[in-house]
Amino acid sequence: MTKKRATMKDVAARAGVGFKTVSRVVNDEPGVSELTAAKVRKAAAELNYRRDMTAGNLRRAAGRTDSVGLLVASVDNEFDAKLHRAVEDAAQARRVSVFSSSTDEDAERERQRALTLLARRVDGLVLMPSSGDLSFLQHELDLGTPVIAVDRPPKGISIDTLMVDNETGARDSVTTSSSTGTGGSWSWRIWRPWPPPHSG
């Protein structure tokens, strides 16, 4: 069963403070005592609250942002560049934006970049895992956010994974499965909120 994403109202109720107080703490604004701020941060951590960096009036129907996050090792790498272009092409056909970043094979950078993208409420995340533990993404999976691994099996979580044999296969697999919807559950999960390309 999909869990409900915690809101600032939930944090305020748990911390026993007002909504505005939570807003000030989340946005690093002055006017809140350190004791109260600590209570708010503790409540936020207990609820797995993450700041929503998207403006409410930019969100689409059903709470979507029409955006997908993409994490690759390095855009300087030819394989990663082809993967980036393949995801971008599939997204463009659905009028979906792609926010991407490089992890440089660093587990901590990967974690930070992933959480930043998720704070922007991307509708799904495609990543080429580093050697790090991805269990920090379990909360997003519980909330129903599609997370897809490409080229490498993930550690710490069970998610759909697209394994490819070579650089040509990477692009062909991503574009074909994303365009036709017949390339396996990974493509269906990441693209299902949007109609397929060229559909009426």
N, C-alpha and C. Protein backbone atom coordinates (compact mmCIF):
# COMPACT_ATOMS: atom_id res chain seq x y z
N MET A 1 0.85 -1.20 0.00
CA MET A 1 0.00 0.00 0.00
C MET A 1 0.88 1.25 0.00
N THR A 2 0.58 2.19 -0.89
CA THR A 2 1.38 3.41 -1.00
C THR A 2 1.18 4.31 0.22
N LYS A 3 2.26 4.76 0.78
CA LYS A 3 2.20 5.64 1.94
C LYS A 3 1.92 7.08 1.53
N LYS A 4 1.49 7.89 2.51
CA LYS A 4 1.23 9.29 2.27
C LYS A 4 2.49 10.08 2.55
N ARG A 5 2.83 11.00 1.66
CA ARG A 5 4.01 11.83 1.85
C ARG A 5 3.75 12.86 2.95
N ALA A 6 4.67 12.97 3.89
CA ALA A 6 4.51 13.91 4.99
C ALA A 6 4.55 15.35 4.50
N THR A 7 3.72 16.19 5.10
CA THR A 7 3.65 17.60 4.75
C THR A 7 4.11 18.45 5.94
N MET A 8 4.24 19.76 5.71
CA MET A 8 4.62 20.65 6.81
C MET A 8 3.55 20.66 7.89
N LYS A 9 2.29 20.46 7.51
CA LYS A 9 1.22 20.40 8.51
C LYS A 9 1.42 19.19 9.41
N ASP A 10 1.85 18.07 8.84
CA ASP A 10 2.12 16.87 9.63
C ASP A 10 3.26 17.12 10.62
N VAL A 11 4.30 17.79 10.13
CA VAL A 11 5.45 18.10 10.98
C VAL A 11 5.02 19.03 12.11
N ALA A 12 4.21 20.04 11.78
CA ALA A 12 3.75 21.00 12.79
C ALA A 12 2.95 20.29 13.88
N ALA A 13 2.08 19.36 13.47
CA ALA A 13 1.25 18.64 14.44
C ALA A 13 2.12 17.77 15.34
N ARG A 14 3.11 17.12 14.76
CA ARG A 14 3.96 16.23 15.56
C ARG A 14 4.86 17.02 16.51
N ALA A 15 5.33 18.18 16.06
CA ALA A 15 6.22 18.99 16.90
C ALA A 15 5.45 19.86 17.89
N GLY A 16 4.15 20.00 17.67
CA GLY A 16 3.34 20.82 18.56
C GLY A 16 3.57 22.30 18.36
N VAL A 17 3.83 22.70 17.12
CA VAL A 17 4.06 24.11 16.80
C VAL A 17 3.16 24.51 15.63
N GLY A 18 3.19 25.78 15.28
CA GLY A 18 2.38 26.25 14.18
C GLY A 18 3.01 25.99 12.82
N PHE A 19 2.19 26.03 11.80
CA PHE A 19 2.65 25.80 10.43
C PHE A 19 3.74 26.80 10.04
N LYS A 20 3.55 28.07 10.40
CA LYS A 20 4.52 29.11 10.05
C LYS A 20 5.88 28.84 10.68
N THR A 21 5.86 28.30 11.89
CA THR A 21 7.12 27.98 12.57
C THR A 21 7.88 26.92 11.79
N VAL A 22 7.16 25.89 11.36
CA VAL A 22 7.79 24.84 10.55
C VAL A 22 8.35 25.42 9.26
N SER A 23 7.57 26.29 8.64
CA SER A 23 8.01 26.92 7.39
C SER A 23 9.30 27.70 7.59
N ARG A 24 9.39 28.41 8.69
CA ARG A 24 10.61 29.19 8.97
C ARG A 24 11.82 28.28 9.17
N VAL A 25 11.62 27.19 9.88
CA VAL A 25 12.73 26.26 10.11
C VAL A 25 13.16 25.60 8.80
N VAL A 26 12.20 25.14 8.03
CA VAL A 26 12.50 24.47 6.76
C VAL A 26 13.23 25.39 5.80
N ASN A 27 12.85 26.66 5.82
CA ASN A 27 13.44 27.63 4.88
C ASN A 27 14.60 28.42 5.49
N ASP A 28 15.06 27.98 6.68
CA ASP A 28 16.19 28.63 7.35
C ASP A 28 15.97 30.12 7.57
N GLU A 29 14.75 30.47 7.98
CA GLU A 29 14.43 31.86 8.26
C GLU A 29 14.63 32.15 9.75
N PRO A 30 14.91 33.38 10.12
CA PRO A 30 15.10 33.74 11.53
C PRO A 30 13.77 33.78 12.28
N GLY A 31 13.87 33.97 13.59
CA GLY A 31 12.66 34.15 14.39
C GLY A 31 12.20 32.90 15.12
N VAL A 32 13.00 31.83 15.11
CA VAL A 32 12.63 30.59 15.81
C VAL A 32 13.77 30.22 16.76
N SER A 33 13.44 29.93 18.01
CA SER A 33 14.47 29.57 18.98
C SER A 33 15.11 28.24 18.58
N GLU A 34 16.33 28.04 19.05
CA GLU A 34 17.05 26.81 18.71
C GLU A 34 16.34 25.59 19.28
N LEU A 35 15.74 25.73 20.44
CA LEU A 35 15.01 24.62 21.06
C LEU A 35 13.82 24.21 20.20
N THR A 36 13.05 25.22 19.75
CA THR A 36 11.89 24.94 18.91
C THR A 36 12.32 24.38 17.56
N ALA A 37 13.39 24.94 17.00
CA ALA A 37 13.89 24.47 15.71
C ALA A 37 14.31 23.01 15.81
N ALA A 38 14.92 22.65 16.94
CA ALA A 38 15.35 21.27 17.14
C ALA A 38 14.15 20.33 17.19
N LYS A 39 13.07 20.78 17.83
CA LYS A 39 11.85 19.97 17.89
C LYS A 39 11.27 19.75 16.50
N VAL A 40 11.30 20.81 15.70
CA VAL A 40 10.78 20.72 14.33
C VAL A 40 11.63 19.77 13.49
N ARG A 41 12.95 19.91 13.60
CA ARG A 41 13.84 19.04 12.83
C ARG A 41 13.69 17.58 13.24
N LYS A 42 13.51 17.34 14.53
CA LYS A 42 13.31 15.98 15.02
C LYS A 42 12.02 15.39 14.47
N ALA A 43 10.95 16.18 14.49
CA ALA A 43 9.66 15.71 13.96
C ALA A 43 9.76 15.44 12.47
N ALA A 44 10.47 16.32 11.75
CA ALA A 44 10.63 16.14 10.31
C ALA A 44 11.39 14.86 10.00
N ALA A 45 12.43 14.57 10.79
CA ALA A 45 13.22 13.36 10.58
C ALA A 45 12.38 12.12 10.87
N GLU A 46 11.58 12.17 11.91
CA GLU A 46 10.75 11.02 12.28
C GLU A 46 9.69 10.72 11.21
N LEU A 47 9.25 11.77 10.53
CA LEU A 47 8.21 11.60 9.50
C LEU A 47 8.80 11.44 8.10
N ASN A 48 10.14 11.46 8.00
CA ASN A 48 10.80 11.41 6.68
C ASN A 48 10.33 12.55 5.80
N TYR A 49 10.09 13.71 6.43
CA TYR A 49 9.65 14.87 5.66
C TYR A 49 10.79 15.41 4.81
N ARG A 50 10.47 15.75 3.56
CA ARG A 50 11.44 16.39 2.69
C ARG A 50 10.81 17.64 2.10
N ARG A 51 11.57 18.68 2.11
CA ARG A 51 11.09 19.96 1.62
C ARG A 51 10.67 19.85 0.15
N ASP A 52 9.50 20.38 -0.16
CA ASP A 52 9.01 20.41 -1.54
C ASP A 52 9.52 21.68 -2.19
N MET A 53 10.46 21.54 -3.12
CA MET A 53 11.08 22.71 -3.74
C MET A 53 10.33 23.19 -4.97
N THR A 54 9.18 22.58 -5.27
CA THR A 54 8.39 23.01 -6.42
C THR A 54 7.27 23.92 -5.95
N ALA A 55 6.97 24.94 -6.74
CA ALA A 55 5.85 25.83 -6.41
C ALA A 55 4.54 25.10 -6.66
N GLY A 56 3.61 25.24 -5.74
CA GLY A 56 2.35 24.51 -5.87
C GLY A 56 1.61 24.80 -7.16
N ASN A 57 1.69 26.03 -7.65
CA ASN A 57 0.94 26.35 -8.86
C ASN A 57 1.60 25.82 -10.13
N LEU A 58 2.78 25.19 -9.99
CA LEU A 58 3.42 24.60 -11.16
C LEU A 58 3.14 23.11 -11.28
N ARG A 59 2.50 22.55 -10.28
CA ARG A 59 2.23 21.12 -10.30
C ARG A 59 1.04 20.83 -11.20
N ARG A 60 1.08 19.66 -11.82
CA ARG A 60 0.06 19.28 -12.77
C ARG A 60 -1.02 18.43 -12.10
N ALA A 61 -1.91 17.91 -12.93
CA ALA A 61 -2.97 17.06 -12.42
C ALA A 61 -2.39 15.87 -11.68
N ALA A 62 -3.11 15.40 -10.67
CA ALA A 62 -2.71 14.24 -9.87
C ALA A 62 -1.38 14.46 -9.15
N GLY A 63 -1.00 15.72 -8.94
CA GLY A 63 0.22 16.02 -8.19
C GLY A 63 1.49 15.81 -8.97
N ARG A 64 1.43 15.66 -10.28
CA ARG A 64 2.63 15.44 -11.08
C ARG A 64 3.32 16.75 -11.39
N THR A 65 4.61 16.65 -11.65
CA THR A 65 5.40 17.81 -12.07
C THR A 65 5.86 17.67 -13.51
N ASP A 66 5.50 16.56 -14.16
CA ASP A 66 5.92 16.27 -15.53
C ASP A 66 7.43 16.40 -15.67
N SER A 67 8.14 15.77 -14.75
CA SER A 67 9.60 15.80 -14.77
C SER A 67 10.16 14.47 -14.26
N VAL A 68 11.34 14.13 -14.76
CA VAL A 68 12.02 12.89 -14.37
C VAL A 68 13.46 13.23 -14.01
N GLY A 69 13.98 12.61 -12.97
CA GLY A 69 15.38 12.80 -12.58
C GLY A 69 16.26 11.73 -13.19
N LEU A 70 17.47 12.11 -13.57
CA LEU A 70 18.42 11.16 -14.15
C LEU A 70 19.79 11.35 -13.53
N LEU A 71 20.37 10.28 -12.99
CA LEU A 71 21.70 10.31 -12.41
C LEU A 71 22.61 9.34 -13.16
N VAL A 72 23.70 9.87 -13.71
CA VAL A 72 24.68 9.04 -14.39
C VAL A 72 26.04 9.24 -13.73
N ALA A 73 26.98 8.39 -14.06
CA ALA A 73 28.31 8.51 -13.45
C ALA A 73 28.98 9.81 -13.90
N SER A 74 28.99 10.05 -15.21
CA SER A 74 29.59 11.28 -15.74
C SER A 74 29.11 11.51 -17.16
N VAL A 75 28.64 12.73 -17.43
CA VAL A 75 28.17 13.04 -18.78
C VAL A 75 29.33 13.10 -19.77
N ASP A 76 30.57 13.09 -19.27
CA ASP A 76 31.73 13.06 -20.16
C ASP A 76 31.95 11.67 -20.75
N ASN A 77 31.33 10.68 -20.12
CA ASN A 77 31.46 9.30 -20.58
C ASN A 77 30.52 9.07 -21.75
N GLU A 78 31.02 8.43 -22.80
CA GLU A 78 30.20 8.25 -24.01
C GLU A 78 28.95 7.42 -23.74
N PHE A 79 29.10 6.36 -22.96
CA PHE A 79 27.95 5.52 -22.62
C PHE A 79 26.90 6.34 -21.87
N ASP A 80 27.35 7.10 -20.87
CA ASP A 80 26.43 7.91 -20.07
C ASP A 80 25.75 8.98 -20.92
N ALA A 81 26.51 9.56 -21.85
CA ALA A 81 25.96 10.59 -22.72
C ALA A 81 24.85 10.01 -23.60
N LYS A 82 25.06 8.79 -24.10
CA LYS A 82 24.03 8.16 -24.93
C LYS A 82 22.80 7.81 -24.11
N LEU A 83 23.02 7.36 -22.89
CA LEU A 83 21.89 7.07 -22.01
C LEU A 83 21.10 8.34 -21.73
N HIS A 84 21.83 9.43 -21.43
CA HIS A 84 21.19 10.71 -21.17
C HIS A 84 20.33 11.14 -22.36
N ARG A 85 20.88 11.04 -23.55
CA ARG A 85 20.14 11.45 -24.74
C ARG A 85 18.92 10.57 -24.98
N ALA A 86 19.07 9.27 -24.71
CA ALA A 86 17.95 8.35 -24.91
C ALA A 86 16.79 8.67 -23.98
N VAL A 87 17.10 8.90 -22.72
CA VAL A 87 16.04 9.25 -21.75
C VAL A 87 15.43 10.59 -22.12
N GLU A 88 16.26 11.53 -22.52
CA GLU A 88 15.80 12.86 -22.89
C GLU A 88 14.85 12.80 -24.09
N ASP A 89 15.21 11.99 -25.10
CA ASP A 89 14.36 11.86 -26.28
C ASP A 89 13.01 11.25 -25.94
N ALA A 90 13.04 10.19 -25.11
CA ALA A 90 11.78 9.55 -24.71
C ALA A 90 10.92 10.51 -23.90
N ALA A 91 11.55 11.31 -23.05
CA ALA A 91 10.82 12.27 -22.23
C ALA A 91 10.23 13.40 -23.08
N GLN A 92 11.02 13.89 -24.02
CA GLN A 92 10.55 14.98 -24.86
C GLN A 92 9.31 14.59 -25.65
N ALA A 93 9.26 13.33 -26.08
CA ALA A 93 8.10 12.86 -26.83
C ALA A 93 6.84 12.91 -26.00
N ARG A 94 7.01 12.94 -24.68
CA ARG A 94 5.86 13.00 -23.77
C ARG A 94 5.73 14.36 -23.10
N ARG A 95 6.53 15.32 -23.57
CA ARG A 95 6.54 16.66 -22.99
C ARG A 95 6.88 16.62 -21.51
N VAL A 96 7.85 15.81 -21.20
CA VAL A 96 8.34 15.66 -19.82
C VAL A 96 9.75 16.23 -19.75
N SER A 97 10.06 16.98 -18.71
CA SER A 97 11.38 17.55 -18.52
C SER A 97 12.30 16.55 -17.82
N VAL A 98 13.59 16.63 -18.12
CA VAL A 98 14.59 15.77 -17.48
C VAL A 98 15.58 16.63 -16.71
N PHE A 99 15.71 16.37 -15.41
CA PHE A 99 16.72 17.03 -14.59
C PHE A 99 17.82 16.01 -14.33
N SER A 100 19.04 16.32 -14.73
CA SER A 100 20.10 15.33 -14.64
C SER A 100 21.31 15.85 -13.87
N SER A 101 22.13 14.90 -13.41
CA SER A 101 23.33 15.24 -12.68
C SER A 101 24.30 14.06 -12.74
N SER A 102 25.59 14.36 -12.55
CA SER A 102 26.62 13.32 -12.52
C SER A 102 26.95 12.98 -11.07
N THR A 103 27.23 11.70 -10.80
CA THR A 103 27.57 11.27 -9.45
C THR A 103 29.07 11.12 -9.26
N ASP A 104 29.82 11.05 -10.35
CA ASP A 104 31.28 10.83 -10.29
C ASP A 104 31.63 9.57 -9.53
N GLU A 105 30.71 8.59 -9.56
CA GLU A 105 30.93 7.30 -8.88
C GLU A 105 31.12 7.46 -7.37
N ASP A 106 30.63 8.57 -6.82
CA ASP A 106 30.77 8.85 -5.39
C ASP A 106 29.43 8.61 -4.70
N ALA A 107 29.40 7.70 -3.74
CA ALA A 107 28.15 7.32 -3.09
C ALA A 107 27.47 8.48 -2.37
N GLU A 108 28.24 9.33 -1.69
CA GLU A 108 27.65 10.45 -0.97
C GLU A 108 27.10 11.49 -1.94
N ARG A 109 27.83 11.75 -3.01
CA ARG A 109 27.34 12.69 -4.03
C ARG A 109 26.07 12.15 -4.67
N GLU A 110 26.04 10.84 -4.90
CA GLU A 110 24.85 10.20 -5.45
C GLU A 110 23.65 10.40 -4.54
N ARG A 111 23.86 10.20 -3.24
CA ARG A 111 22.77 10.37 -2.27
C ARG A 111 22.26 11.80 -2.26
N GLN A 112 23.20 12.75 -2.23
CA GLN A 112 22.81 14.16 -2.19
C GLN A 112 22.06 14.57 -3.46
N ARG A 113 22.58 14.16 -4.60
CA ARG A 113 21.93 14.53 -5.87
C ARG A 113 20.55 13.90 -5.99
N ALA A 114 20.43 12.65 -5.57
CA ALA A 114 19.14 11.96 -5.65
C ALA A 114 18.12 12.65 -4.75
N LEU A 115 18.51 12.98 -3.53
CA LEU A 115 17.58 13.63 -2.61
C LEU A 115 17.20 15.03 -3.08
N THR A 116 18.13 15.71 -3.73
CA THR A 116 17.81 17.03 -4.29
C THR A 116 16.77 16.92 -5.38
N LEU A 117 16.94 15.95 -6.27
CA LEU A 117 15.97 15.74 -7.34
C LEU A 117 14.61 15.36 -6.78
N LEU A 118 14.60 14.49 -5.78
CA LEU A 118 13.34 14.07 -5.19
C LEU A 118 12.66 15.20 -4.43
N ALA A 119 13.46 16.12 -3.87
CA ALA A 119 12.89 17.29 -3.19
C ALA A 119 12.19 18.19 -4.19
N ARG A 120 12.60 18.11 -5.43
CA ARG A 120 11.94 18.87 -6.49
C ARG A 120 10.72 18.13 -7.03
N ARG A 121 10.40 17.01 -6.38
CA ARG A 121 9.21 16.22 -6.70
C ARG A 121 9.20 15.70 -8.13
N VAL A 122 10.35 15.24 -8.61
CA VAL A 122 10.34 14.58 -9.92
C VAL A 122 9.39 13.39 -9.82
N ASP A 123 8.77 13.05 -10.94
CA ASP A 123 7.77 11.97 -10.94
C ASP A 123 8.40 10.59 -10.99
N GLY A 124 9.70 10.52 -11.24
CA GLY A 124 10.40 9.26 -11.29
C GLY A 124 11.89 9.51 -11.33
N LEU A 125 12.68 8.49 -11.02
CA LEU A 125 14.13 8.63 -10.99
C LEU A 125 14.78 7.48 -11.73
N VAL A 126 15.65 7.82 -12.68
CA VAL A 126 16.45 6.83 -13.40
C VAL A 126 17.90 7.04 -13.00
N LEU A 127 18.58 6.00 -12.56
CA LEU A 127 19.95 6.21 -12.13
C LEU A 127 20.84 5.03 -12.48
N MET A 128 22.11 5.35 -12.70
CA MET A 128 23.15 4.35 -12.87
C MET A 128 23.85 4.26 -11.51
N PRO A 129 23.56 3.22 -10.73
CA PRO A 129 24.05 3.16 -9.35
C PRO A 129 25.58 3.18 -9.23
N SER A 130 26.05 3.87 -8.20
CA SER A 130 27.46 3.78 -7.85
C SER A 130 27.60 2.52 -6.99
N SER A 131 28.66 2.40 -6.26
CA SER A 131 28.84 1.21 -5.42
C SER A 131 28.17 1.36 -4.06
N GLY A 132 27.48 2.49 -3.86
CA GLY A 132 26.88 2.76 -2.56
C GLY A 132 25.56 2.06 -2.32
N ASP A 133 25.12 2.10 -1.06
CA ASP A 133 23.86 1.52 -0.63
C ASP A 133 22.74 2.49 -0.97
N LEU A 134 21.71 2.01 -1.67
CA LEU A 134 20.60 2.87 -2.08
C LEU A 134 19.37 2.72 -1.19
N SER A 135 19.55 2.15 -0.01
CA SER A 135 18.40 1.94 0.86
C SER A 135 17.75 3.25 1.30
N PHE A 136 18.48 4.37 1.16
CA PHE A 136 17.90 5.67 1.52
C PHE A 136 16.73 6.03 0.60
N LEU A 137 16.60 5.32 -0.52
CA LEU A 137 15.50 5.57 -1.46
C LEU A 137 14.24 4.77 -1.13
N GLN A 138 14.32 3.88 -0.13
CA GLN A 138 13.19 3.02 0.19
C GLN A 138 11.94 3.81 0.53
N HIS A 139 12.12 4.93 1.25
CA HIS A 139 10.95 5.74 1.60
C HIS A 139 10.23 6.23 0.36
N GLU A 140 10.98 6.66 -0.67
CA GLU A 140 10.36 7.12 -1.90
C GLU A 140 9.64 5.98 -2.61
N LEU A 141 10.22 4.79 -2.57
CA LEU A 141 9.56 3.63 -3.16
C LEU A 141 8.25 3.34 -2.44
N ASP A 142 8.27 3.46 -1.12
CA ASP A 142 7.05 3.24 -0.34
C ASP A 142 5.97 4.26 -0.68
N LEU A 143 6.41 5.44 -1.10
CA LEU A 143 5.45 6.49 -1.48
C LEU A 143 4.95 6.31 -2.91
N GLY A 144 5.51 5.33 -3.62
CA GLY A 144 5.06 5.06 -4.98
C GLY A 144 5.87 5.72 -6.07
N THR A 145 7.00 6.34 -5.72
CA THR A 145 7.84 6.98 -6.72
C THR A 145 8.61 5.92 -7.51
N PRO A 146 8.48 5.88 -8.85
CA PRO A 146 9.22 4.89 -9.63
C PRO A 146 10.71 5.21 -9.63
N VAL A 147 11.53 4.22 -9.30
CA VAL A 147 12.98 4.36 -9.34
C VAL A 147 13.53 3.21 -10.18
N ILE A 148 14.30 3.53 -11.20
CA ILE A 148 14.80 2.54 -12.14
C ILE A 148 16.32 2.58 -12.18
N ALA A 149 16.97 1.42 -12.09
CA ALA A 149 18.42 1.33 -12.21
C ALA A 149 18.77 0.92 -13.64
N VAL A 150 19.85 1.50 -14.15
CA VAL A 150 20.29 1.18 -15.51
C VAL A 150 21.74 0.73 -15.48
N ASP A 151 22.02 -0.36 -16.17
CA ASP A 151 23.37 -0.88 -16.41
C ASP A 151 23.98 -1.62 -15.24
N ARG A 152 23.61 -1.26 -14.01
CA ARG A 152 24.21 -1.89 -12.84
C ARG A 152 23.12 -2.28 -11.83
N PRO A 153 23.27 -3.42 -11.18
CA PRO A 153 22.28 -3.79 -10.16
C PRO A 153 22.44 -2.91 -8.92
N PRO A 154 21.35 -2.49 -8.32
CA PRO A 154 21.42 -1.63 -7.14
C PRO A 154 21.69 -2.42 -5.88
N LYS A 155 22.16 -1.74 -4.84
CA LYS A 155 22.39 -2.35 -3.54
C LYS A 155 21.43 -1.74 -2.52
N GLY A 156 20.87 -2.58 -1.69
CA GLY A 156 20.05 -2.09 -0.58
C GLY A 156 18.58 -1.95 -0.86
N ILE A 157 18.17 -2.01 -2.12
CA ILE A 157 16.75 -1.91 -2.48
C ILE A 157 16.46 -2.84 -3.64
N SER A 158 15.18 -3.17 -3.78
CA SER A 158 14.74 -4.01 -4.89
C SER A 158 13.94 -3.15 -5.86
N ILE A 159 14.52 -2.87 -7.04
CA ILE A 159 13.86 -2.04 -8.04
C ILE A 159 14.08 -2.65 -9.42
N ASP A 160 13.28 -2.19 -10.40
CA ASP A 160 13.47 -2.63 -11.77
C ASP A 160 14.85 -2.20 -12.25
N THR A 161 15.51 -3.07 -12.99
CA THR A 161 16.86 -2.78 -13.49
C THR A 161 16.96 -3.14 -14.96
N LEU A 162 17.47 -2.21 -15.75
CA LEU A 162 17.68 -2.46 -17.17
C LEU A 162 19.17 -2.69 -17.39
N MET A 163 19.54 -3.94 -17.72
CA MET A 163 20.92 -4.27 -17.99
C MET A 163 21.15 -4.31 -19.49
N VAL A 164 22.25 -3.74 -19.95
CA VAL A 164 22.56 -3.70 -21.38
C VAL A 164 23.96 -4.23 -21.62
N ASP A 165 24.22 -4.67 -22.84
CA ASP A 165 25.51 -5.28 -23.18
C ASP A 165 26.53 -4.30 -23.71
N ASN A 166 26.07 -3.24 -24.35
CA ASN A 166 27.02 -2.31 -24.95
C ASN A 166 26.38 -0.95 -25.12
N GLU A 167 27.14 0.01 -25.61
CA GLU A 167 26.67 1.38 -25.72
C GLU A 167 25.50 1.52 -26.69
N THR A 168 25.56 0.80 -27.80
CA THR A 168 24.47 0.86 -28.77
C THR A 168 23.21 0.30 -28.15
N GLY A 169 23.38 -0.81 -27.42
CA GLY A 169 22.23 -1.42 -26.77
C GLY A 169 21.58 -0.51 -25.77
N ALA A 170 22.35 0.31 -25.10
CA ALA A 170 21.80 1.23 -24.10
C ALA A 170 20.79 2.16 -24.72
N ARG A 171 21.20 2.80 -25.79
CA ARG A 171 20.29 3.76 -26.40
C ARG A 171 19.09 3.07 -27.03
N ASP A 172 19.34 1.96 -27.73
CA ASP A 172 18.25 1.25 -28.38
C ASP A 172 17.24 0.74 -27.36
N SER A 173 17.74 0.19 -26.24
CA SER A 173 16.84 -0.35 -25.23
C SER A 173 15.97 0.72 -24.60
N VAL A 174 16.59 1.84 -24.26
CA VAL A 174 15.84 2.92 -23.60
C VAL A 174 14.82 3.54 -24.53
N THR A 175 15.24 3.89 -25.75
CA THR A 175 14.33 4.57 -26.65
C THR A 175 13.23 3.65 -27.13
N THR A 176 13.57 2.40 -27.44
CA THR A 176 12.56 1.47 -27.94
C THR A 176 11.54 1.11 -26.88
N SER A 177 12.00 0.72 -25.72
CA SER A 177 11.07 0.31 -24.67
C SER A 177 10.25 1.49 -24.20
N SER A 178 10.86 2.68 -24.13
CA SER A 178 10.11 3.85 -23.68
C SER A 178 9.08 4.29 -24.70
N SER A 179 9.40 4.14 -25.97
CA SER A 179 8.50 4.60 -27.01
C SER A 179 7.34 3.65 -27.22
N THR A 180 7.60 2.35 -27.13
CA THR A 180 6.55 1.39 -27.44
C THR A 180 5.82 0.88 -26.22
N GLY A 181 6.47 1.00 -25.06
CA GLY A 181 5.85 0.48 -23.85
C GLY A 181 5.94 -1.02 -23.75
N THR A 182 6.76 -1.66 -24.59
CA THR A 182 6.85 -3.12 -24.59
C THR A 182 8.20 -3.60 -24.12
N GLY A 183 9.01 -2.71 -23.58
CA GLY A 183 10.36 -3.09 -23.20
C GLY A 183 10.49 -3.58 -21.77
N GLY A 184 9.40 -3.88 -21.11
CA GLY A 184 9.51 -4.38 -19.74
C GLY A 184 8.87 -3.43 -18.75
N SER A 185 8.77 -3.90 -17.50
CA SER A 185 8.06 -3.12 -16.48
C SER A 185 8.75 -1.81 -16.16
N TRP A 186 10.08 -1.75 -16.36
CA TRP A 186 10.78 -0.51 -16.00
C TRP A 186 10.26 0.66 -16.79
N SER A 187 10.08 0.48 -18.11
CA SER A 187 9.63 1.60 -18.93
C SER A 187 8.17 1.93 -18.64
N TRP A 188 7.37 0.89 -18.38
CA TRP A 188 5.97 1.14 -18.09
C TRP A 188 5.83 1.95 -16.82
N ARG A 189 6.63 1.63 -15.81
CA ARG A 189 6.51 2.33 -14.53
C ARG A 189 6.97 3.78 -14.62
N ILE A 190 8.04 4.03 -15.36
CA ILE A 190 8.57 5.39 -15.40
C ILE A 190 7.73 6.30 -16.28
N TRP A 191 7.13 5.72 -17.34
CA TRP A 191 6.42 6.58 -18.29
C TRP A 191 4.90 6.48 -18.19
N ARG A 192 4.37 5.64 -17.34
CA ARG A 192 2.93 5.39 -17.35
C ARG A 192 2.05 6.62 -17.09
N PRO A 193 2.51 7.68 -16.38
CA PRO A 193 1.60 8.82 -16.19
C PRO A 193 1.30 9.58 -17.47
N TRP A 194 2.10 9.35 -18.52
CA TRP A 194 1.94 10.12 -19.75
C TRP A 194 1.57 9.22 -20.93
N PRO A 195 0.81 9.75 -21.88
CA PRO A 195 0.45 8.94 -23.04
C PRO A 195 1.68 8.66 -23.91
N PRO A 196 1.66 7.55 -24.65
CA PRO A 196 2.81 7.24 -25.52
C PRO A 196 2.94 8.26 -26.64
N PRO A 197 4.14 8.39 -27.21
CA PRO A 197 4.34 9.34 -28.30
C PRO A 197 3.39 9.08 -29.46
N HIS A 198 2.99 10.19 -30.09
CA HIS A 198 2.15 10.13 -31.29
C HIS A 198 0.72 9.61 -31.03
N SER A 199 0.37 9.48 -29.74
CA SER A 199 -1.01 9.05 -29.47
C SER A 199 -1.89 10.29 -29.55
N GLY A 200 -3.12 10.07 -29.89
CA GLY A 200 -4.03 11.18 -30.07
C GLY A 200 -4.28 11.92 -28.81
